[in-house]
Amino acid sequence: LLGRTHAPMELCSDHAGDFRASQRVLDLGAVTVWSATFQ
């Protein structure tokens, strides 16, 4: 998801077995705003 909405990345987390995260994305055209909560 982050690769599609932002840029491809390598991610690493101690919580990878059951990762909890959410993101709200507002598309303003050229500019994008979002809020995110994650482990």
PDB file of all heavy atoms in Angstrom:
ATOM      1  N   LEU A   1       0.823  -1.204   0.000  1.00  0.00           N
ATOM      2  CA  LEU A   1       0.000   0.000   0.000  1.00  0.00           C
ATOM      3  C   LEU A   1       0.863   1.263   0.000  1.00  0.00           C
ATOM      4  O   LEU A   1       0.628   2.189  -0.787  1.00  0.00           O
ATOM      5  CB  LEU A   1      -0.916  -0.001   1.223  1.00  0.00           C
ATOM      6  CG  LEU A   1      -1.694   1.296   1.476  1.00  0.00           C
ATOM      7  CD1 LEU A   1      -2.735   1.505   0.395  1.00  0.00           C
ATOM      8  CD2 LEU A   1      -2.347   1.273   2.851  1.00  0.00           C
ATOM      9  N   LEU A   2       1.863   1.320   0.872  1.00  0.00           N
ATOM     10  CA  LEU A   2       2.730   2.490   0.919  1.00  0.00           C
ATOM     11  C   LEU A   2       3.497   2.659  -0.380  1.00  0.00           C
ATOM     12  O   LEU A   2       3.759   3.785  -0.813  1.00  0.00           O
ATOM     13  CB  LEU A   2       3.699   2.384   2.096  1.00  0.00           C
ATOM     14  CG  LEU A   2       3.078   2.447   3.497  1.00  0.00           C
ATOM     15  CD1 LEU A   2       4.166   2.426   4.552  1.00  0.00           C
ATOM     16  CD2 LEU A   2       2.213   3.682   3.664  1.00  0.00           C
ATOM     17  N   GLY A   3       3.836   1.566  -1.016  1.00  0.00           N
ATOM     18  CA  GLY A   3       4.503   1.654  -2.301  1.00  0.00           C
ATOM     19  C   GLY A   3       3.640   2.284  -3.372  1.00  0.00           C
ATOM     20  O   GLY A   3       4.133   2.992  -4.250  1.00  0.00           O
ATOM     21  N   ARG A   4       2.335   2.048  -3.286  1.00  0.00           N
ATOM     22  CA  ARG A   4       1.404   2.623  -4.272  1.00  0.00           C
ATOM     23  C   ARG A   4       1.030   4.056  -3.948  1.00  0.00           C
ATOM     24  O   ARG A   4       0.899   4.884  -4.848  1.00  0.00           O
ATOM     25  CB  ARG A   4       0.128   1.773  -4.357  1.00  0.00           C
ATOM     26  CG  ARG A   4       0.320   0.451  -5.084  1.00  0.00           C
ATOM     27  CD  ARG A   4      -1.014  -0.211  -5.373  1.00  0.00           C
ATOM     28  NE  ARG A   4      -1.625  -0.757  -4.176  1.00  0.00           N
ATOM     29  CZ  ARG A   4      -2.717  -0.266  -3.595  1.00  0.00           C
ATOM     30  NH1 ARG A   4      -3.318   0.805  -4.098  1.00  0.00           N
ATOM     31  NH2 ARG A   4      -3.222  -0.839  -2.522  1.00  0.00           N
ATOM     32  N   THR A   5       0.823   4.372  -2.680  1.00  0.00           N
ATOM     33  CA  THR A   5       0.340   5.700  -2.311  1.00  0.00           C
ATOM     34  C   THR A   5       1.463   6.707  -2.094  1.00  0.00           C
ATOM     35  O   THR A   5       1.218   7.914  -2.149  1.00  0.00           O
ATOM     36  CB  THR A   5      -0.519   5.635  -1.037  1.00  0.00           C
ATOM     37  OG1 THR A   5       0.264   5.055   0.028  1.00  0.00           O
ATOM     38  CG2 THR A   5      -1.758   4.789  -1.257  1.00  0.00           C
ATOM     39  N   HIS A   6       2.695   6.225  -1.861  1.00  0.00           N
ATOM     40  CA  HIS A   6       3.804   7.141  -1.615  1.00  0.00           C
ATOM     41  C   HIS A   6       4.984   6.800  -2.524  1.00  0.00           C
ATOM     42  O   HIS A   6       5.154   7.396  -3.575  1.00  0.00           O
ATOM     43  CB  HIS A   6       4.214   7.084  -0.140  1.00  0.00           C
ATOM     44  CG  HIS A   6       3.060   7.293   0.783  1.00  0.00           C
ATOM     45  ND1 HIS A   6       2.313   8.446   0.778  1.00  0.00           N
ATOM     46  CD2 HIS A   6       2.506   6.497   1.725  1.00  0.00           C
ATOM     47  CE1 HIS A   6       1.349   8.356   1.675  1.00  0.00           C
ATOM     48  NE2 HIS A   6       1.442   7.182   2.265  1.00  0.00           N
ATOM     49  N   ALA A   7       5.784   5.844  -2.113  1.00  0.00           N
ATOM     50  CA  ALA A   7       6.927   5.404  -2.911  1.00  0.00           C
ATOM     51  C   ALA A   7       7.346   4.027  -2.405  1.00  0.00           C
ATOM     52  O   ALA A   7       7.159   3.717  -1.226  1.00  0.00           O
ATOM     53  CB  ALA A   7       8.086   6.396  -2.786  1.00  0.00           C
ATOM     54  N   PRO A   8       7.905   3.178  -3.264  1.00  0.00           N
ATOM     55  CA  PRO A   8       8.342   1.848  -2.805  1.00  0.00           C
ATOM     56  C   PRO A   8       9.361   1.959  -1.675  1.00  0.00           C
ATOM     57  O   PRO A   8      10.295   2.769  -1.736  1.00  0.00           O
ATOM     58  CB  PRO A   8       8.971   1.251  -4.068  1.00  0.00           C
ATOM     59  CG  PRO A   8       8.319   1.968  -5.199  1.00  0.00           C
ATOM     60  CD  PRO A   8       8.094   3.366  -4.704  1.00  0.00           C
ATOM     61  N   MET A   9       9.174   1.151  -0.644  1.00  0.00           N
ATOM     62  CA  MET A   9      10.045   1.174   0.525  1.00  0.00           C
ATOM     63  C   MET A   9      10.252  -0.241   1.041  1.00  0.00           C
ATOM     64  O   MET A   9       9.395  -1.103   0.855  1.00  0.00           O
ATOM     65  CB  MET A   9       9.434   2.039   1.641  1.00  0.00           C
ATOM     66  CG  MET A   9       9.510   3.520   1.399  1.00  0.00           C
ATOM     67  SD  MET A   9       8.645   4.456   2.687  1.00  0.00           S
ATOM     68  CE  MET A   9       6.951   4.347   2.095  1.00  0.00           C
ATOM     69  N   GLU A  10      11.369  -0.424   1.710  1.00  0.00           N
ATOM     70  CA  GLU A  10      11.566  -1.619   2.503  1.00  0.00           C
ATOM     71  C   GLU A  10      11.093  -1.316   3.923  1.00  0.00           C
ATOM     72  O   GLU A  10      11.479  -0.300   4.492  1.00  0.00           O
ATOM     73  CB  GLU A  10      13.044  -2.018   2.529  1.00  0.00           C
ATOM     74  CG  GLU A  10      13.591  -2.448   1.181  1.00  0.00           C
ATOM     75  CD  GLU A  10      15.070  -2.800   1.263  1.00  0.00           C
ATOM     76  OE1 GLU A  10      15.643  -2.707   2.382  1.00  0.00           O
ATOM     77  OE2 GLU A  10      15.645  -3.131   0.229  1.00  0.00           O
ATOM     78  N   LEU A  11      10.224  -2.167   4.476  1.00  0.00           N
ATOM     79  CA  LEU A  11       9.703  -1.963   5.816  1.00  0.00           C
ATOM     80  C   LEU A  11      10.169  -3.083   6.734  1.00  0.00           C
ATOM     81  O   LEU A  11      10.327  -4.227   6.302  1.00  0.00           O
ATOM     82  CB  LEU A  11       8.173  -1.913   5.808  1.00  0.00           C
ATOM     83  CG  LEU A  11       7.498  -0.849   4.936  1.00  0.00           C
ATOM     84  CD1 LEU A  11       5.992  -0.869   5.159  1.00  0.00           C
ATOM     85  CD2 LEU A  11       8.053   0.535   5.213  1.00  0.00           C
ATOM     86  N   CYS A  12      10.355  -2.745   8.002  1.00  0.00           N
ATOM     87  CA  CYS A  12      10.764  -3.721   8.992  1.00  0.00           C
ATOM     88  C   CYS A  12      10.054  -3.387  10.293  1.00  0.00           C
ATOM     89  O   CYS A  12       9.964  -2.207  10.672  1.00  0.00           O
ATOM     90  CB  CYS A  12      12.275  -3.674   9.168  1.00  0.00           C
ATOM     91  SG  CYS A  12      12.905  -4.785  10.441  1.00  0.00           S
ATOM     92  N   SER A  13       9.503  -4.411  10.976  1.00  0.00           N
ATOM     93  CA  SER A  13       8.804  -4.183  12.236  1.00  0.00           C
ATOM     94  C   SER A  13       8.830  -5.448  13.090  1.00  0.00           C
ATOM     95  O   SER A  13       8.733  -6.565  12.563  1.00  0.00           O
ATOM     96  CB  SER A  13       7.345  -3.768  11.974  1.00  0.00           C
ATOM     97  OG  SER A  13       6.634  -3.646  13.189  1.00  0.00           O
ATOM     98  N   ASP A  14       8.939  -5.241  14.398  1.00  0.00           N
ATOM     99  CA  ASP A  14       8.838  -6.369  15.326  1.00  0.00           C
ATOM    100  C   ASP A  14       7.413  -6.907  15.391  1.00  0.00           C
ATOM    101  O   ASP A  14       7.180  -7.967  15.966  1.00  0.00           O
ATOM    102  CB  ASP A  14       9.278  -5.935  16.733  1.00  0.00           C
ATOM    103  CG  ASP A  14      10.763  -5.631  16.802  1.00  0.00           C
ATOM    104  OD1 ASP A  14      11.504  -6.111  15.926  1.00  0.00           O
ATOM    105  OD2 ASP A  14      11.171  -4.883  17.719  1.00  0.00           O
ATOM    106  N   HIS A  15       6.465  -6.182  14.809  1.00  0.00           N
ATOM    107  CA  HIS A  15       5.051  -6.567  14.851  1.00  0.00           C
ATOM    108  C   HIS A  15       4.572  -7.096  13.495  1.00  0.00           C
ATOM    109  O   HIS A  15       3.366  -7.114  13.227  1.00  0.00           O
ATOM    110  CB  HIS A  15       4.193  -5.366  15.261  1.00  0.00           C
ATOM    111  CG  HIS A  15       4.573  -4.770  16.580  1.00  0.00           C
ATOM    112  ND1 HIS A  15       4.030  -5.183  17.771  1.00  0.00           N
ATOM    113  CD2 HIS A  15       5.475  -3.802  16.883  1.00  0.00           C
ATOM    114  CE1 HIS A  15       4.565  -4.485  18.761  1.00  0.00           C
ATOM    115  NE2 HIS A  15       5.447  -3.639  18.258  1.00  0.00           N
ATOM    116  N   ALA A  16       5.505  -7.516  12.658  1.00  0.00           N
ATOM    117  CA  ALA A  16       5.145  -7.935  11.300  1.00  0.00           C
ATOM    118  C   ALA A  16       4.196  -9.122  11.276  1.00  0.00           C
ATOM    119  O   ALA A  16       3.452  -9.308  10.301  1.00  0.00           O
ATOM    120  CB  ALA A  16       6.411  -8.265  10.511  1.00  0.00           C
ATOM    121  N   GLY A  17       4.176  -9.930  12.335  1.00  0.00           N
ATOM    122  CA  GLY A  17       3.299 -11.095  12.352  1.00  0.00           C
ATOM    123  C   GLY A  17       1.830 -10.738  12.419  1.00  0.00           C
ATOM    124  O   GLY A  17       0.975 -11.535  11.995  1.00  0.00           O
ATOM    125  N   ASP A  18       1.494  -9.574  12.946  1.00  0.00           N
ATOM    126  CA  ASP A  18       0.096  -9.126  13.022  1.00  0.00           C
ATOM    127  C   ASP A  18       0.118  -7.601  13.092  1.00  0.00           C
ATOM    128  O   ASP A  18      -0.147  -6.993  14.124  1.00  0.00           O
ATOM    129  CB  ASP A  18      -0.599  -9.716  14.250  1.00  0.00           C
ATOM    130  CG  ASP A  18      -2.073  -9.336  14.325  1.00  0.00           C
ATOM    131  OD1 ASP A  18      -2.590  -8.752  13.338  1.00  0.00           O
ATOM    132  OD2 ASP A  18      -2.696  -9.574  15.380  1.00  0.00           O
ATOM    133  N   PHE A  19       0.471  -6.981  11.956  1.00  0.00           N
ATOM    134  CA  PHE A  19       0.731  -5.541  11.938  1.00  0.00           C
ATOM    135  C   PHE A  19      -0.569  -4.743  11.934  1.00  0.00           C
ATOM    136  O   PHE A  19      -1.473  -5.011  11.138  1.00  0.00           O
ATOM    137  CB  PHE A  19       1.567  -5.184  10.712  1.00  0.00           C
ATOM    138  CG  PHE A  19       2.081  -3.777  10.725  1.00  0.00           C
ATOM    139  CD1 PHE A  19       3.056  -3.397  11.627  1.00  0.00           C
ATOM    140  CD2 PHE A  19       1.598  -2.838   9.835  1.00  0.00           C
ATOM    141  CE1 PHE A  19       3.541  -2.102  11.651  1.00  0.00           C
ATOM    142  CE2 PHE A  19       2.070  -1.544   9.835  1.00  0.00           C
ATOM    143  CZ  PHE A  19       3.052  -1.173  10.748  1.00  0.00           C
ATOM    144  N   ARG A  20      -0.648  -3.754  12.821  1.00  0.00           N
ATOM    145  CA  ARG A  20      -1.844  -2.919  12.919  1.00  0.00           C
ATOM    146  C   ARG A  20      -1.530  -1.502  12.448  1.00  0.00           C
ATOM    147  O   ARG A  20      -0.618  -0.848  12.982  1.00  0.00           O
ATOM    148  CB  ARG A  20      -2.353  -2.873  14.364  1.00  0.00           C
ATOM    149  CG  ARG A  20      -2.639  -4.245  14.977  1.00  0.00           C
ATOM    150  CD  ARG A  20      -3.720  -4.978  14.198  1.00  0.00           C
ATOM    151  NE  ARG A  20      -3.974  -6.299  14.728  1.00  0.00           N
ATOM    152  CZ  ARG A  20      -4.953  -6.575  15.597  1.00  0.00           C
ATOM    153  NH1 ARG A  20      -5.737  -5.614  16.043  1.00  0.00           N
ATOM    154  NH2 ARG A  20      -5.120  -7.826  16.012  1.00  0.00           N
ATOM    155  N   ALA A  21      -2.280  -1.036  11.458  1.00  0.00           N
ATOM    156  CA  ALA A  21      -2.071   0.310  10.925  1.00  0.00           C
ATOM    157  C   ALA A  21      -3.322   0.759  10.191  1.00  0.00           C
ATOM    158  O   ALA A  21      -4.113  -0.061   9.712  1.00  0.00           O
ATOM    159  CB  ALA A  21      -0.869   0.333   9.975  1.00  0.00           C
ATOM    160  N   SER A  22      -3.503   2.064  10.113  1.00  0.00           N
ATOM    161  CA  SER A  22      -4.608   2.642   9.338  1.00  0.00           C
ATOM    162  C   SER A  22      -4.147   3.965   8.748  1.00  0.00           C
ATOM    163  O   SER A  22      -3.249   4.634   9.290  1.00  0.00           O
ATOM    164  CB  SER A  22      -5.852   2.848  10.206  1.00  0.00           C
ATOM    165  OG  SER A  22      -5.598   3.788  11.233  1.00  0.00           O
ATOM    166  N   GLN A  23      -4.772   4.324   7.650  1.00  0.00           N
ATOM    167  CA  GLN A  23      -4.407   5.560   6.958  1.00  0.00           C
ATOM    168  C   GLN A  23      -5.639   6.147   6.280  1.00  0.00           C
ATOM    169  O   GLN A  23      -6.414   5.428   5.646  1.00  0.00           O
ATOM    170  CB  GLN A  23      -3.313   5.290   5.925  1.00  0.00           C
ATOM    171  CG  GLN A  23      -2.803   6.533   5.217  1.00  0.00           C
ATOM    172  CD  GLN A  23      -1.727   6.202   4.208  1.00  0.00           C
ATOM    173  OE1 GLN A  23      -1.965   5.463   3.257  1.00  0.00           O
ATOM    174  NE2 GLN A  23      -0.539   6.727   4.402  1.00  0.00           N
ATOM    175  N   ARG A  24      -5.818   7.456   6.421  1.00  0.00           N
ATOM    176  CA  ARG A  24      -6.879   8.206   5.736  1.00  0.00           C
ATOM    177  C   ARG A  24      -6.205   9.161   4.768  1.00  0.00           C
ATOM    178  O   ARG A  24      -5.364   9.973   5.174  1.00  0.00           O
ATOM    179  CB  ARG A  24      -7.731   8.970   6.740  1.00  0.00           C
ATOM    180  CG  ARG A  24      -8.476   8.088   7.724  1.00  0.00           C
ATOM    181  CD  ARG A  24      -8.957   8.898   8.927  1.00  0.00           C
ATOM    182  NE  ARG A  24      -9.785  10.014   8.505  1.00  0.00           N
ATOM    183  CZ  ARG A  24      -9.908  11.157   9.220  1.00  0.00           C
ATOM    184  NH1 ARG A  24      -9.231  11.318  10.344  1.00  0.00           N
ATOM    185  NH2 ARG A  24     -10.694  12.113   8.795  1.00  0.00           N
ATOM    186  N   VAL A  25      -6.569   9.093   3.494  1.00  0.00           N
ATOM    187  CA  VAL A  25      -5.912   9.874   2.449  1.00  0.00           C
ATOM    188  C   VAL A  25      -6.894  10.860   1.835  1.00  0.00           C
ATOM    189  O   VAL A  25      -7.990  10.480   1.415  1.00  0.00           O
ATOM    190  CB  VAL A  25      -5.337   8.955   1.349  1.00  0.00           C
ATOM    191  CG1 VAL A  25      -4.627   9.779   0.288  1.00  0.00           C
ATOM    192  CG2 VAL A  25      -4.386   7.936   1.952  1.00  0.00           C
ATOM    193  N   LEU A  26      -6.486  12.137   1.765  1.00  0.00           N
ATOM    194  CA  LEU A  26      -7.263  13.183   1.112  1.00  0.00           C
ATOM    195  C   LEU A  26      -6.510  13.615  -0.146  1.00  0.00           C
ATOM    196  O   LEU A  26      -5.372  14.088  -0.058  1.00  0.00           O
ATOM    197  CB  LEU A  26      -7.450  14.391   2.036  1.00  0.00           C
ATOM    198  CG  LEU A  26      -8.257  14.167   3.311  1.00  0.00           C
ATOM    199  CD1 LEU A  26      -8.210  15.410   4.193  1.00  0.00           C
ATOM    200  CD2 LEU A  26      -9.696  13.819   2.972  1.00  0.00           C
ATOM    201  N   ASP A  27      -7.128  13.431  -1.294  1.00  0.00           N
ATOM    202  CA  ASP A  27      -6.516  13.792  -2.564  1.00  0.00           C
ATOM    203  C   ASP A  27      -6.920  15.217  -2.921  1.00  0.00           C
ATOM    204  O   ASP A  27      -8.093  15.495  -3.181  1.00  0.00           O
ATOM    205  CB  ASP A  27      -6.974  12.814  -3.649  1.00  0.00           C
ATOM    206  CG  ASP A  27      -6.361  13.123  -5.005  1.00  0.00           C
ATOM    207  OD1 ASP A  27      -5.526  14.040  -5.082  1.00  0.00           O
ATOM    208  OD2 ASP A  27      -6.729  12.451  -5.986  1.00  0.00           O
ATOM    209  N   LEU A  28      -5.939  16.137  -2.917  1.00  0.00           N
ATOM    210  CA  LEU A  28      -6.213  17.530  -3.266  1.00  0.00           C
ATOM    211  C   LEU A  28      -5.716  17.866  -4.670  1.00  0.00           C
ATOM    212  O   LEU A  28      -5.508  19.021  -4.999  1.00  0.00           O
ATOM    213  CB  LEU A  28      -5.549  18.466  -2.246  1.00  0.00           C
ATOM    214  CG  LEU A  28      -5.924  18.258  -0.786  1.00  0.00           C
ATOM    215  CD1 LEU A  28      -5.240  19.303   0.088  1.00  0.00           C
ATOM    216  CD2 LEU A  28      -7.434  18.298  -0.592  1.00  0.00           C
ATOM    217  N   GLY A  29      -5.558  16.853  -5.487  1.00  0.00           N
ATOM    218  CA  GLY A  29      -5.039  17.068  -6.835  1.00  0.00           C
ATOM    219  C   GLY A  29      -3.541  16.807  -6.840  1.00  0.00           C
ATOM    220  O   GLY A  29      -3.096  15.683  -6.616  1.00  0.00           O
ATOM    221  N   ALA A  30      -2.759  17.856  -7.073  1.00  0.00           N
ATOM    222  CA  ALA A  30      -1.305  17.683  -7.079  1.00  0.00           C
ATOM    223  C   ALA A  30      -0.773  17.381  -5.688  1.00  0.00           C
ATOM    224  O   ALA A  30       0.248  16.715  -5.527  1.00  0.00           O
ATOM    225  CB  ALA A  30      -0.640  18.943  -7.633  1.00  0.00           C
ATOM    226  N   VAL A  31      -1.472  17.866  -4.678  1.00  0.00           N
ATOM    227  CA  VAL A  31      -1.044  17.721  -3.283  1.00  0.00           C
ATOM    228  C   VAL A  31      -1.881  16.641  -2.601  1.00  0.00           C
ATOM    229  O   VAL A  31      -3.082  16.521  -2.856  1.00  0.00           O
ATOM    230  CB  VAL A  31      -1.194  19.058  -2.535  1.00  0.00           C
ATOM    231  CG1 VAL A  31      -0.877  18.914  -1.065  1.00  0.00           C
ATOM    232  CG2 VAL A  31      -0.294  20.117  -3.170  1.00  0.00           C
ATOM    233  N   THR A  32      -1.245  15.854  -1.739  1.00  0.00           N
ATOM    234  CA  THR A  32      -1.941  14.805  -0.999  1.00  0.00           C
ATOM    235  C   THR A  32      -1.723  15.006   0.499  1.00  0.00           C
ATOM    236  O   THR A  32      -0.607  15.296   0.938  1.00  0.00           O
ATOM    237  CB  THR A  32      -1.419  13.409  -1.387  1.00  0.00           C
ATOM    238  OG1 THR A  32      -1.547  13.237  -2.793  1.00  0.00           O
ATOM    239  CG2 THR A  32      -2.214  12.319  -0.674  1.00  0.00           C
ATOM    240  N   VAL A  33      -2.799  14.862   1.262  1.00  0.00           N
ATOM    241  CA  VAL A  33      -2.742  14.968   2.723  1.00  0.00           C
ATOM    242  C   VAL A  33      -3.275  13.679   3.311  1.00  0.00           C
ATOM    243  O   VAL A  33      -4.242  13.113   2.792  1.00  0.00           O
ATOM    244  CB  VAL A  33      -3.578  16.168   3.235  1.00  0.00           C
ATOM    245  CG1 VAL A  33      -3.620  16.191   4.759  1.00  0.00           C
ATOM    246  CG2 VAL A  33      -3.012  17.486   2.698  1.00  0.00           C
ATOM    247  N   TRP A  34      -2.671  13.203   4.386  1.00  0.00           N
ATOM    248  CA  TRP A  34      -3.196  12.003   5.019  1.00  0.00           C
ATOM    249  C   TRP A  34      -2.859  11.993   6.503  1.00  0.00           C
ATOM    250  O   TRP A  34      -1.955  12.687   6.968  1.00  0.00           O
ATOM    251  CB  TRP A  34      -2.684  10.733   4.342  1.00  0.00           C
ATOM    252  CG  TRP A  34      -1.239  10.427   4.579  1.00  0.00           C
ATOM    253  CD1 TRP A  34      -0.710   9.699   5.597  1.00  0.00           C
ATOM    254  CD2 TRP A  34      -0.141  10.860   3.790  1.00  0.00           C
ATOM    255  NE1 TRP A  34       0.652   9.635   5.489  1.00  0.00           N
ATOM    256  CE2 TRP A  34       1.030  10.347   4.382  1.00  0.00           C
ATOM    257  CE3 TRP A  34      -0.031  11.624   2.634  1.00  0.00           C
ATOM    258  CZ2 TRP A  34       2.295  10.588   3.867  1.00  0.00           C
ATOM    259  CZ3 TRP A  34       1.220  11.858   2.118  1.00  0.00           C
ATOM    260  CH2 TRP A  34       2.363  11.342   2.719  1.00  0.00           C
ATOM    261  N   SER A  35      -3.585  11.204   7.242  1.00  0.00           N
ATOM    262  CA  SER A  35      -3.268  10.920   8.636  1.00  0.00           C
ATOM    263  C   SER A  35      -3.069   9.414   8.756  1.00  0.00           C
ATOM    264  O   SER A  35      -3.718   8.633   8.063  1.00  0.00           O
ATOM    265  CB  SER A  35      -4.384  11.390   9.565  1.00  0.00           C
ATOM    266  OG  SER A  35      -5.607  10.768   9.236  1.00  0.00           O
ATOM    267  N   ALA A  36      -2.155   9.005   9.629  1.00  0.00           N
ATOM    268  CA  ALA A  36      -1.835   7.585   9.754  1.00  0.00           C
ATOM    269  C   ALA A  36      -1.578   7.231  11.212  1.00  0.00           C
ATOM    270  O   ALA A  36      -1.074   8.037  11.988  1.00  0.00           O
ATOM    271  CB  ALA A  36      -0.614   7.234   8.908  1.00  0.00           C
ATOM    272  N   THR A  37      -1.948   6.009  11.555  1.00  0.00           N
ATOM    273  CA  THR A  37      -1.673   5.430  12.871  1.00  0.00           C
ATOM    274  C   THR A  37      -1.081   4.045  12.632  1.00  0.00           C
ATOM    275  O   THR A  37      -1.649   3.250  11.878  1.00  0.00           O
ATOM    276  CB  THR A  37      -2.961   5.312  13.706  1.00  0.00           C
ATOM    277  OG1 THR A  37      -3.548   6.610  13.849  1.00  0.00           O
ATOM    278  CG2 THR A  37      -2.667   4.741  15.080  1.00  0.00           C
ATOM    279  N   PHE A  38       0.070   3.758  13.251  1.00  0.00           N
ATOM    280  CA  PHE A  38       0.710   2.467  12.976  1.00  0.00           C
ATOM    281  C   PHE A  38       1.622   2.076  14.136  1.00  0.00           C
ATOM    282  O   PHE A  38       2.000   2.896  14.972  1.00  0.00           O
ATOM    283  CB  PHE A  38       1.503   2.521  11.667  1.00  0.00           C
ATOM    284  CG  PHE A  38       2.452   3.680  11.550  1.00  0.00           C
ATOM    285  CD1 PHE A  38       3.780   3.560  11.955  1.00  0.00           C
ATOM    286  CD2 PHE A  38       2.025   4.902  11.026  1.00  0.00           C
ATOM    287  CE1 PHE A  38       4.652   4.627  11.847  1.00  0.00           C
ATOM    288  CE2 PHE A  38       2.890   5.977  10.913  1.00  0.00           C
ATOM    289  CZ  PHE A  38       4.213   5.846  11.321  1.00  0.00           C
ATOM    290  N   GLN A  39       1.962   0.805  14.161  1.00  0.00           N
ATOM    291  CA  GLN A  39       2.877   0.287  15.169  1.00  0.00           C
ATOM    292  C   GLN A  39       4.322   0.604  14.779  1.00  0.00           C
ATOM    293  O   GLN A  39       4.589   0.985  13.639  1.00  0.00           O
ATOM    294  CB  GLN A  39       2.658  -1.224  15.323  1.00  0.00           C
ATOM    295  CG  GLN A  39       1.313  -1.567  15.965  1.00  0.00           C
ATOM    296  CD  GLN A  39       1.085  -3.055  16.081  1.00  0.00           C
ATOM    297  OE1 GLN A  39       1.055  -3.769  15.079  1.00  0.00           O
ATOM    298  NE2 GLN A  39       0.904  -3.544  17.308  1.00  0.00           N
TER     299      GLN A  39
END
